[in-house]
């Protein structure tokens, strides 16, 4: 099953989505994405939260139950809350609820190592839920501490840890990527690259060195393609994002490409391959 492992939907609100770049400050719905997926041969996708609210989690689950091509939802639940177990249990009643993500905005990422937050992370495995790590490159030290604390929890790093592509490869970023790959059950999403390039006239040679690092670290069995649509539209079309990744993995075996473009996401998020879009 060919899966786009990372994309978003939103009813644009300038307060809720203040981070959204100019040019895409409008609504994006499942009806907008469906023709792009079909045109490019994808059978389904993973809808990921873009707002820190349970209200959005509910809306994403409603979409997943309306559009069969939305195979799973990574929602938001306050993992630091006292009633976190109750909230996780509630959403886990819906089979489309696959995992949780939280946006880490504090400067060094200490949020990921706070006792209250980690108490919530510890509850995820009780409900067979995954955790998407959204962190900037300078916060990856905290991400490494987090995954080492929970070696049996399924984690996936979004957007390669958001390295500033135009500045070249940082040895600190590379070291943290290797540490994450060597720490427990950690996967990595090949997503969010084009929006990390400061030069709008980027080309493949800007991105390939970063793909080389994560491929060497995680291997083809722990990487998954994600378009990061519609955020990617601020820097490239859906097809351009896909073409970069397809070109990089062009000479990999058919089995390896099948894993990167769907097999790994299906296994990680425990998707049902029998479901047809």
C-alpha atoms as a PDB file:
ATOM      1  CA  UNK A   1       0.000   0.000   0.000  1.00  0.00           C
ATOM      2  CA  UNK A   2       1.565   3.290  -1.131  1.00  0.00           C
ATOM      3  CA  UNK A   3       1.183   5.799   1.708  1.00  0.00           C
ATOM      4  CA  UNK A   4       1.925   9.505   2.099  1.00  0.00           C
ATOM      5  CA  UNK A   5       2.967   9.387   5.757  1.00  0.00           C
ATOM      6  CA  UNK A   6       2.675  13.079   6.565  1.00  0.00           C
ATOM      7  CA  UNK A   7       0.190  15.763   5.553  1.00  0.00           C
ATOM      8  CA  UNK A   8      -2.248  18.227   7.116  1.00  0.00           C
ATOM      9  CA  UNK A   9      -5.747  19.662   6.787  1.00  0.00           C
ATOM     10  CA  UNK A  10      -6.963  22.914   8.266  1.00  0.00           C
ATOM     11  CA  UNK A  11      -9.651  25.571   8.248  1.00  0.00           C
ATOM     12  CA  UNK A  12      -7.273  28.490   8.208  1.00  0.00           C
ATOM     13  CA  UNK A  13      -7.398  30.732  11.257  1.00  0.00           C
ATOM     14  CA  UNK A  14      -4.617  33.352  11.587  1.00  0.00           C
ATOM     15  CA  UNK A  15      -4.438  32.860  15.354  1.00  0.00           C
ATOM     16  CA  UNK A  16      -4.456  29.066  15.435  1.00  0.00           C
ATOM     17  CA  UNK A  17      -2.164  28.728  12.433  1.00  0.00           C
ATOM     18  CA  UNK A  18       0.046  31.782  12.832  1.00  0.00           C
ATOM     19  CA  UNK A  19       3.057  29.735  11.655  1.00  0.00           C
ATOM     20  CA  UNK A  20       1.564  29.022   8.208  1.00  0.00           C
ATOM     21  CA  UNK A  21       3.637  30.725   5.465  1.00  0.00           C
ATOM     22  CA  UNK A  22       2.188  33.361   3.185  1.00  0.00           C
ATOM     23  CA  UNK A  23       0.775  31.924  -0.005  1.00  0.00           C
ATOM     24  CA  UNK A  24      -0.946  29.005   1.725  1.00  0.00           C
ATOM     25  CA  UNK A  25      -2.941  30.931   4.305  1.00  0.00           C
ATOM     26  CA  UNK A  26      -6.233  29.398   3.220  1.00  0.00           C
ATOM     27  CA  UNK A  27      -8.328  26.287   3.834  1.00  0.00           C
ATOM     28  CA  UNK A  28      -7.088  22.835   2.809  1.00  0.00           C
ATOM     29  CA  UNK A  29      -9.482  19.894   2.919  1.00  0.00           C
ATOM     30  CA  UNK A  30      -9.455  16.159   2.149  1.00  0.00           C
ATOM     31  CA  UNK A  31     -11.173  16.941  -1.155  1.00  0.00           C
ATOM     32  CA  UNK A  32      -8.142  19.049  -2.136  1.00  0.00           C
ATOM     33  CA  UNK A  33      -5.641  16.292  -1.415  1.00  0.00           C
ATOM     34  CA  UNK A  34      -7.468  13.275  -2.842  1.00  0.00           C
ATOM     35  CA  UNK A  35      -6.829  14.019  -6.549  1.00  0.00           C
ATOM     36  CA  UNK A  36      -3.117  14.588  -5.831  1.00  0.00           C
ATOM     37  CA  UNK A  37      -2.813  11.237  -4.097  1.00  0.00           C
ATOM     38  CA  UNK A  38      -4.629   9.395  -6.869  1.00  0.00           C
ATOM     39  CA  UNK A  39      -2.637  11.145  -9.609  1.00  0.00           C
ATOM     40  CA  UNK A  40       0.625  10.054  -7.971  1.00  0.00           C
ATOM     41  CA  UNK A  41      -0.410   6.503  -7.174  1.00  0.00           C
ATOM     42  CA  UNK A  42      -0.945   6.785  -3.422  1.00  0.00           C
ATOM     43  CA  UNK A  43      -3.636   4.647  -1.846  1.00  0.00           C
ATOM     44  CA  UNK A  44      -3.746   6.540   1.405  1.00  0.00           C
ATOM     45  CA  UNK A  45      -2.204   9.028   3.810  1.00  0.00           C
ATOM     46  CA  UNK A  46      -1.605   9.847   7.464  1.00  0.00           C
ATOM     47  CA  UNK A  47      -3.261  13.078   8.641  1.00  0.00           C
ATOM     48  CA  UNK A  48      -1.099  14.834  11.237  1.00  0.00           C
ATOM     49  CA  UNK A  49      -2.155  17.523  13.696  1.00  0.00           C
ATOM     50  CA  UNK A  50      -1.204  21.122  12.976  1.00  0.00           C
ATOM     51  CA  UNK A  51      -2.878  22.746  15.980  1.00  0.00           C
ATOM     52  CA  UNK A  52      -2.436  21.982  19.674  1.00  0.00           C
ATOM     53  CA  UNK A  53      -6.063  21.185  20.390  1.00  0.00           C
ATOM     54  CA  UNK A  54      -8.289  18.199  20.929  1.00  0.00           C
ATOM     55  CA  UNK A  55     -10.830  19.997  18.766  1.00  0.00           C
ATOM     56  CA  UNK A  56      -8.578  19.416  15.760  1.00  0.00           C
ATOM     57  CA  UNK A  57      -8.011  15.798  16.793  1.00  0.00           C
ATOM     58  CA  UNK A  58     -11.763  15.244  16.721  1.00  0.00           C
ATOM     59  CA  UNK A  59     -12.067  16.898  13.305  1.00  0.00           C
ATOM     60  CA  UNK A  60      -9.260  14.769  11.850  1.00  0.00           C
ATOM     61  CA  UNK A  61     -10.897  11.588  13.135  1.00  0.00           C
ATOM     62  CA  UNK A  62     -14.194  12.672  11.608  1.00  0.00           C
ATOM     63  CA  UNK A  63     -12.404  13.173   8.289  1.00  0.00           C
ATOM     64  CA  UNK A  64     -10.791   9.731   8.545  1.00  0.00           C
ATOM     65  CA  UNK A  65     -14.203   8.187   9.048  1.00  0.00           C
ATOM     66  CA  UNK A  66     -15.556  10.055   6.022  1.00  0.00           C
ATOM     67  CA  UNK A  67     -12.662   9.635   3.590  1.00  0.00           C
ATOM     68  CA  UNK A  68     -11.392   6.052   3.466  1.00  0.00           C
ATOM     69  CA  UNK A  69      -8.034   7.105   1.983  1.00  0.00           C
ATOM     70  CA  UNK A  70      -7.124   8.758   5.314  1.00  0.00           C
ATOM     71  CA  UNK A  71      -5.701   5.601   6.842  1.00  0.00           C
ATOM     72  CA  UNK A  72      -4.634   7.059  10.176  1.00  0.00           C
ATOM     73  CA  UNK A  73      -4.562  10.165  12.350  1.00  0.00           C
ATOM     74  CA  UNK A  74      -1.727  11.524  14.481  1.00  0.00           C
ATOM     75  CA  UNK A  75      -3.597  13.838  16.790  1.00  0.00           C
ATOM     76  CA  UNK A  76      -2.879  16.012  19.798  1.00  0.00           C
ATOM     77  CA  UNK A  77      -3.525  15.214  23.422  1.00  0.00           C
ATOM     78  CA  UNK A  78      -1.983  17.124  26.327  1.00  0.00           C
ATOM     79  CA  UNK A  79       0.530  14.533  27.477  1.00  0.00           C
ATOM     80  CA  UNK A  80       1.337  16.636  30.546  1.00  0.00           C
ATOM     81  CA  UNK A  81      -2.245  16.626  31.797  1.00  0.00           C
ATOM     82  CA  UNK A  82      -3.291  14.707  34.896  1.00  0.00           C
ATOM     83  CA  UNK A  83      -6.091  13.028  32.954  1.00  0.00           C
ATOM     84  CA  UNK A  84      -3.899  12.016  30.010  1.00  0.00           C
ATOM     85  CA  UNK A  85      -4.722   8.314  30.375  1.00  0.00           C
ATOM     86  CA  UNK A  86      -8.444   9.058  30.210  1.00  0.00           C
ATOM     87  CA  UNK A  87      -8.014  11.173  27.044  1.00  0.00           C
ATOM     88  CA  UNK A  88      -5.844   8.581  25.321  1.00  0.00           C
ATOM     89  CA  UNK A  89      -8.352   5.867  26.154  1.00  0.00           C
ATOM     90  CA  UNK A  90     -11.177   7.971  24.718  1.00  0.00           C
ATOM     91  CA  UNK A  91      -9.516   8.610  21.363  1.00  0.00           C
ATOM     92  CA  UNK A  92      -8.119   5.106  21.100  1.00  0.00           C
ATOM     93  CA  UNK A  93     -11.663   3.794  20.786  1.00  0.00           C
ATOM     94  CA  UNK A  94     -11.448   5.047  17.199  1.00  0.00           C
ATOM     95  CA  UNK A  95      -9.216   2.694  15.168  1.00  0.00           C
ATOM     96  CA  UNK A  96      -8.097   5.648  13.016  1.00  0.00           C
ATOM     97  CA  UNK A  97      -6.298   7.188  16.013  1.00  0.00           C
ATOM     98  CA  UNK A  98      -2.720   5.984  15.574  1.00  0.00           C
ATOM     99  CA  UNK A  99      -0.512   8.360  17.532  1.00  0.00           C
ATOM    100  CA  UNK A 100       0.194  11.703  19.143  1.00  0.00           C
ATOM    101  CA  UNK A 101       2.324  14.692  18.242  1.00  0.00           C
ATOM    102  CA  UNK A 102       3.227  17.816  20.173  1.00  0.00           C
ATOM    103  CA  UNK A 103       4.940  20.918  18.848  1.00  0.00           C
ATOM    104  CA  UNK A 104       8.007  21.695  20.935  1.00  0.00           C
ATOM    105  CA  UNK A 105       8.607  25.440  20.887  1.00  0.00           C
ATOM    106  CA  UNK A 106      10.834  25.927  23.937  1.00  0.00           C
ATOM    107  CA  UNK A 107      14.345  26.955  22.973  1.00  0.00           C
ATOM    108  CA  UNK A 108      16.287  23.806  23.763  1.00  0.00           C
ATOM    109  CA  UNK A 109      13.491  21.259  23.789  1.00  0.00           C
ATOM    110  CA  UNK A 110      13.511  20.614  27.561  1.00  0.00           C
ATOM    111  CA  UNK A 111       9.772  20.055  27.319  1.00  0.00           C
ATOM    112  CA  UNK A 112      10.515  16.568  26.007  1.00  0.00           C
ATOM    113  CA  UNK A 113      12.470  15.695  29.145  1.00  0.00           C
ATOM    114  CA  UNK A 114      10.086  17.152  31.737  1.00  0.00           C
ATOM    115  CA  UNK A 115       8.635  14.591  34.212  1.00  0.00           C
ATOM    116  CA  UNK A 116       5.011  15.542  33.484  1.00  0.00           C
ATOM    117  CA  UNK A 117       5.434  15.152  29.716  1.00  0.00           C
ATOM    118  CA  UNK A 118       7.304  11.873  30.041  1.00  0.00           C
ATOM    119  CA  UNK A 119       4.583  10.552  32.327  1.00  0.00           C
ATOM    120  CA  UNK A 120       2.214  11.012  29.389  1.00  0.00           C
ATOM    121  CA  UNK A 121       4.622   9.438  26.904  1.00  0.00           C
ATOM    122  CA  UNK A 122       4.842   6.414  29.183  1.00  0.00           C
ATOM    123  CA  UNK A 123       1.089   5.871  28.731  1.00  0.00           C
ATOM    124  CA  UNK A 124       1.226   5.685  24.928  1.00  0.00           C
ATOM    125  CA  UNK A 125       2.320   2.059  24.778  1.00  0.00           C
ATOM    126  CA  UNK A 126      -0.669   1.011  26.887  1.00  0.00           C
ATOM    127  CA  UNK A 127      -2.840   1.981  23.929  1.00  0.00           C
ATOM    128  CA  UNK A 128      -0.380   0.882  21.210  1.00  0.00           C
ATOM    129  CA  UNK A 129       0.076   4.493  20.125  1.00  0.00           C
ATOM    130  CA  UNK A 130       3.063   6.018  18.332  1.00  0.00           C
ATOM    131  CA  UNK A 131       4.714   9.386  18.933  1.00  0.00           C
ATOM    132  CA  UNK A 132       5.776  11.807  16.174  1.00  0.00           C
ATOM    133  CA  UNK A 133       8.781  13.875  17.256  1.00  0.00           C
ATOM    134  CA  UNK A 134       8.549  17.399  15.858  1.00  0.00           C
ATOM    135  CA  UNK A 135      11.756  19.166  16.823  1.00  0.00           C
ATOM    136  CA  UNK A 136      14.190  21.615  15.319  1.00  0.00           C
ATOM    137  CA  UNK A 137      17.793  20.582  14.774  1.00  0.00           C
ATOM    138  CA  UNK A 138      18.936  22.449  17.908  1.00  0.00           C
ATOM    139  CA  UNK A 139      16.404  20.515  20.027  1.00  0.00           C
ATOM    140  CA  UNK A 140      17.493  17.039  18.985  1.00  0.00           C
ATOM    141  CA  UNK A 141      19.600  16.488  22.120  1.00  0.00           C
ATOM    142  CA  UNK A 142      16.362  16.443  24.105  1.00  0.00           C
ATOM    143  CA  UNK A 143      14.781  14.129  21.540  1.00  0.00           C
ATOM    144  CA  UNK A 144      17.690  11.715  22.002  1.00  0.00           C
ATOM    145  CA  UNK A 145      17.138  11.777  25.780  1.00  0.00           C
ATOM    146  CA  UNK A 146      13.434  11.125  25.255  1.00  0.00           C
ATOM    147  CA  UNK A 147      13.844   8.054  23.065  1.00  0.00           C
ATOM    148  CA  UNK A 148      16.550   6.611  25.291  1.00  0.00           C
ATOM    149  CA  UNK A 149      14.180   6.888  28.248  1.00  0.00           C
ATOM    150  CA  UNK A 150      11.544   4.848  26.387  1.00  0.00           C
ATOM    151  CA  UNK A 151      13.434   2.274  24.277  1.00  0.00           C
ATOM    152  CA  UNK A 152      10.287   0.211  23.595  1.00  0.00           C
ATOM    153  CA  UNK A 153       8.105   3.133  22.489  1.00  0.00           C
ATOM    154  CA  UNK A 154       7.572   3.611  18.746  1.00  0.00           C
ATOM    155  CA  UNK A 155       8.854   7.059  17.725  1.00  0.00           C
ATOM    156  CA  UNK A 156       9.218   8.723  14.340  1.00  0.00           C
ATOM    157  CA  UNK A 157      11.249  11.865  13.693  1.00  0.00           C
ATOM    158  CA  UNK A 158       9.386  14.332  11.494  1.00  0.00           C
ATOM    159  CA  UNK A 159      11.142  16.352   8.784  1.00  0.00           C
ATOM    160  CA  UNK A 160      14.631  14.962   9.548  1.00  0.00           C
ATOM    161  CA  UNK A 161      14.719  17.191  12.633  1.00  0.00           C
ATOM    162  CA  UNK A 162      14.305  20.341  10.502  1.00  0.00           C
ATOM    163  CA  UNK A 163      17.967  21.017   9.651  1.00  0.00           C
ATOM    164  CA  UNK A 164      18.632  24.369   7.911  1.00  0.00           C
ATOM    165  CA  UNK A 165      19.392  22.871   4.492  1.00  0.00           C
ATOM    166  CA  UNK A 166      21.028  25.955   2.990  1.00  0.00           C
ATOM    167  CA  UNK A 167      23.668  26.025   5.727  1.00  0.00           C
ATOM    168  CA  UNK A 168      24.935  22.554   4.857  1.00  0.00           C
ATOM    169  CA  UNK A 169      25.246  19.542   7.108  1.00  0.00           C
ATOM    170  CA  UNK A 170      26.013  20.260  10.743  1.00  0.00           C
ATOM    171  CA  UNK A 171      28.089  17.648  12.531  1.00  0.00           C
ATOM    172  CA  UNK A 172      25.879  18.092  15.609  1.00  0.00           C
ATOM    173  CA  UNK A 173      22.747  17.373  13.557  1.00  0.00           C
ATOM    174  CA  UNK A 174      24.399  14.360  11.962  1.00  0.00           C
ATOM    175  CA  UNK A 175      25.539  12.989  15.326  1.00  0.00           C
ATOM    176  CA  UNK A 176      22.059  13.376  16.795  1.00  0.00           C
ATOM    177  CA  UNK A 177      20.490  11.663  13.790  1.00  0.00           C
ATOM    178  CA  UNK A 178      22.812   8.689  14.279  1.00  0.00           C
ATOM    179  CA  UNK A 179      22.046   8.598  18.009  1.00  0.00           C
ATOM    180  CA  UNK A 180      18.313   8.645  17.361  1.00  0.00           C
ATOM    181  CA  UNK A 181      18.634   5.856  14.816  1.00  0.00           C
ATOM    182  CA  UNK A 182      20.577   3.767  17.331  1.00  0.00           C
ATOM    183  CA  UNK A 183      18.117   4.404  20.182  1.00  0.00           C
ATOM    184  CA  UNK A 184      15.199   2.021  20.332  1.00  0.00           C
ATOM    185  CA  UNK A 185      12.320   1.877  17.909  1.00  0.00           C
ATOM    186  CA  UNK A 186      12.866   5.160  16.064  1.00  0.00           C
ATOM    187  CA  UNK A 187      11.863   5.800  12.457  1.00  0.00           C
ATOM    188  CA  UNK A 188      12.367   8.913  10.319  1.00  0.00           C
ATOM    189  CA  UNK A 189      10.050  10.716   7.915  1.00  0.00           C
ATOM    190  CA  UNK A 190      11.519  11.968   4.660  1.00  0.00           C
ATOM    191  CA  UNK A 191       9.443  15.104   4.785  1.00  0.00           C
ATOM    192  CA  UNK A 192       9.648  18.859   5.197  1.00  0.00           C
ATOM    193  CA  UNK A 193      12.907  19.248   3.279  1.00  0.00           C
ATOM    194  CA  UNK A 194      11.929  21.862   0.712  1.00  0.00           C
ATOM    195  CA  UNK A 195      10.645  24.294   3.326  1.00  0.00           C
ATOM    196  CA  UNK A 196      14.019  24.193   5.097  1.00  0.00           C
ATOM    197  CA  UNK A 197      15.824  25.637   2.065  1.00  0.00           C
ATOM    198  CA  UNK A 198      16.223  29.425   2.196  1.00  0.00           C
ATOM    199  CA  UNK A 199      16.889  29.732  -1.550  1.00  0.00           C
ATOM    200  CA  UNK A 200      13.625  29.389  -3.532  1.00  0.00           C
ATOM    201  CA  UNK A 201      15.645  28.143  -6.519  1.00  0.00           C
ATOM    202  CA  UNK A 202      16.745  24.984  -4.689  1.00  0.00           C
ATOM    203  CA  UNK A 203      17.708  21.834  -6.555  1.00  0.00           C
ATOM    204  CA  UNK A 204      18.270  18.162  -5.790  1.00  0.00           C
ATOM    205  CA  UNK A 205      21.934  18.661  -4.912  1.00  0.00           C
ATOM    206  CA  UNK A 206      20.877  20.806  -1.933  1.00  0.00           C
ATOM    207  CA  UNK A 207      18.766  17.989  -0.479  1.00  0.00           C
ATOM    208  CA  UNK A 208      20.578  14.773  -1.394  1.00  0.00           C
ATOM    209  CA  UNK A 209      23.369  15.035   1.231  1.00  0.00           C
ATOM    210  CA  UNK A 210      20.745  15.091   4.006  1.00  0.00           C
ATOM    211  CA  UNK A 211      18.989  12.076   2.520  1.00  0.00           C
ATOM    212  CA  UNK A 212      22.331  10.274   2.434  1.00  0.00           C
ATOM    213  CA  UNK A 213      22.779  10.833   6.185  1.00  0.00           C
ATOM    214  CA  UNK A 214      19.334   9.584   7.230  1.00  0.00           C
ATOM    215  CA  UNK A 215      19.462   6.643   4.830  1.00  0.00           C
ATOM    216  CA  UNK A 216      22.802   5.504   6.227  1.00  0.00           C
ATOM    217  CA  UNK A 217      21.524   5.948   9.788  1.00  0.00           C
ATOM    218  CA  UNK A 218      18.011   4.469   9.594  1.00  0.00           C
ATOM    219  CA  UNK A 219      18.213   2.151   6.613  1.00  0.00           C
ATOM    220  CA  UNK A 220      15.422   1.640   4.117  1.00  0.00           C
ATOM    221  CA  UNK A 221      13.362  -0.304   6.665  1.00  0.00           C
ATOM    222  CA  UNK A 222      12.825   2.713   8.983  1.00  0.00           C
ATOM    223  CA  UNK A 223      12.281   5.569   6.537  1.00  0.00           C
ATOM    224  CA  UNK A 224       8.912   6.763   5.267  1.00  0.00           C
ATOM    225  CA  UNK A 225       7.996   9.323   2.635  1.00  0.00           C
ATOM    226  CA  UNK A 226       5.765  12.222   3.658  1.00  0.00           C
ATOM    227  CA  UNK A 227       4.830  15.121   1.406  1.00  0.00           C
ATOM    228  CA  UNK A 228       4.137  17.606   4.224  1.00  0.00           C
ATOM    229  CA  UNK A 229       1.299  18.891   2.035  1.00  0.00           C
ATOM    230  CA  UNK A 230       0.079  21.626   2.059  1.00  0.00           C
ATOM    231  CA  UNK A 231       3.044  23.193   3.904  1.00  0.00           C
ATOM    232  CA  UNK A 232       5.320  22.039   1.072  1.00  0.00           C
ATOM    233  CA  UNK A 233       3.367  24.231  -1.366  1.00  0.00           C
ATOM    234  CA  UNK A 234       5.148  27.288   0.009  1.00  0.00           C
ATOM    235  CA  UNK A 235       8.319  25.986  -1.674  1.00  0.00           C
ATOM    236  CA  UNK A 236       7.350  23.317  -4.227  1.00  0.00           C
ATOM    237  CA  UNK A 237       4.493  21.416  -5.816  1.00  0.00           C
ATOM    238  CA  UNK A 238       3.429  18.002  -4.555  1.00  0.00           C
ATOM    239  CA  UNK A 239       5.011  16.417  -7.631  1.00  0.00           C
ATOM    240  CA  UNK A 240       8.316  18.244  -7.141  1.00  0.00           C
ATOM    241  CA  UNK A 241       8.570  17.016  -3.546  1.00  0.00           C
ATOM    242  CA  UNK A 242       7.849  13.461  -4.645  1.00  0.00           C
ATOM    243  CA  UNK A 243      10.257  13.609  -7.583  1.00  0.00           C
ATOM    244  CA  UNK A 244      13.209  14.577  -5.355  1.00  0.00           C
ATOM    245  CA  UNK A 245      12.740  11.514  -3.172  1.00  0.00           C
ATOM    246  CA  UNK A 246      12.007   9.195  -6.088  1.00  0.00           C
ATOM    247  CA  UNK A 247      15.173  10.360  -7.842  1.00  0.00           C
ATOM    248  CA  UNK A 248      17.347   9.826  -4.773  1.00  0.00           C
ATOM    249  CA  UNK A 249      16.097   6.257  -4.291  1.00  0.00           C
ATOM    250  CA  UNK A 250      15.941   5.468  -8.008  1.00  0.00           C
ATOM    251  CA  UNK A 251      18.623   2.749  -7.868  1.00  0.00           C
ATOM    252  CA  UNK A 252      17.338   1.100  -4.689  1.00  0.00           C
ATOM    253  CA  UNK A 253      15.613  -2.262  -5.017  1.00  0.00           C
ATOM    254  CA  UNK A 254      11.897  -2.480  -5.665  1.00  0.00           C
ATOM    255  CA  UNK A 255      11.377  -3.922  -2.200  1.00  0.00           C
ATOM    256  CA  UNK A 256      13.273  -1.055  -0.546  1.00  0.00           C
ATOM    257  CA  UNK A 257      11.263   1.549  -2.448  1.00  0.00           C
ATOM    258  CA  UNK A 258       8.021  -0.177  -1.515  1.00  0.00           C
ATOM    259  CA  UNK A 259       9.015   0.065   2.150  1.00  0.00           C
ATOM    260  CA  UNK A 260       9.963   3.757   1.962  1.00  0.00           C
ATOM    261  CA  UNK A 261       6.814   4.695   0.052  1.00  0.00           C
ATOM    262  CA  UNK A 262       4.326   2.830   2.174  1.00  0.00           C
ATOM    263  CA  UNK A 263       5.440  -0.416   3.748  1.00  0.00           C
ATOM    264  CA  UNK A 264       7.217   1.188   6.688  1.00  0.00           C
ATOM    265  CA  UNK A 265       4.329   3.575   7.378  1.00  0.00           C
ATOM    266  CA  UNK A 266       1.885   0.674   7.224  1.00  0.00           C
ATOM    267  CA  UNK A 267       3.916  -1.254   9.793  1.00  0.00           C
ATOM    268  CA  UNK A 268       4.738   1.701  12.037  1.00  0.00           C
ATOM    269  CA  UNK A 269       1.189   3.021  12.267  1.00  0.00           C
ATOM    270  CA  UNK A 270      -0.350  -0.449  12.262  1.00  0.00           C
ATOM    271  CA  UNK A 271      -2.494   0.289   9.230  1.00  0.00           C
ATOM    272  CA  UNK A 272      -4.854  -2.264   7.768  1.00  0.00           C
ATOM    273  CA  UNK A 273      -3.554  -3.023   4.249  1.00  0.00           C
ATOM    274  CA  UNK A 274      -6.895  -4.615   3.348  1.00  0.00           C
ATOM    275  CA  UNK A 275      -8.674  -1.251   3.553  1.00  0.00           C
ATOM    276  CA  UNK A 276      -9.216   0.173   0.092  1.00  0.00           C
ATOM    277  CA  UNK A 277      -9.432   3.894  -0.627  1.00  0.00           C
END
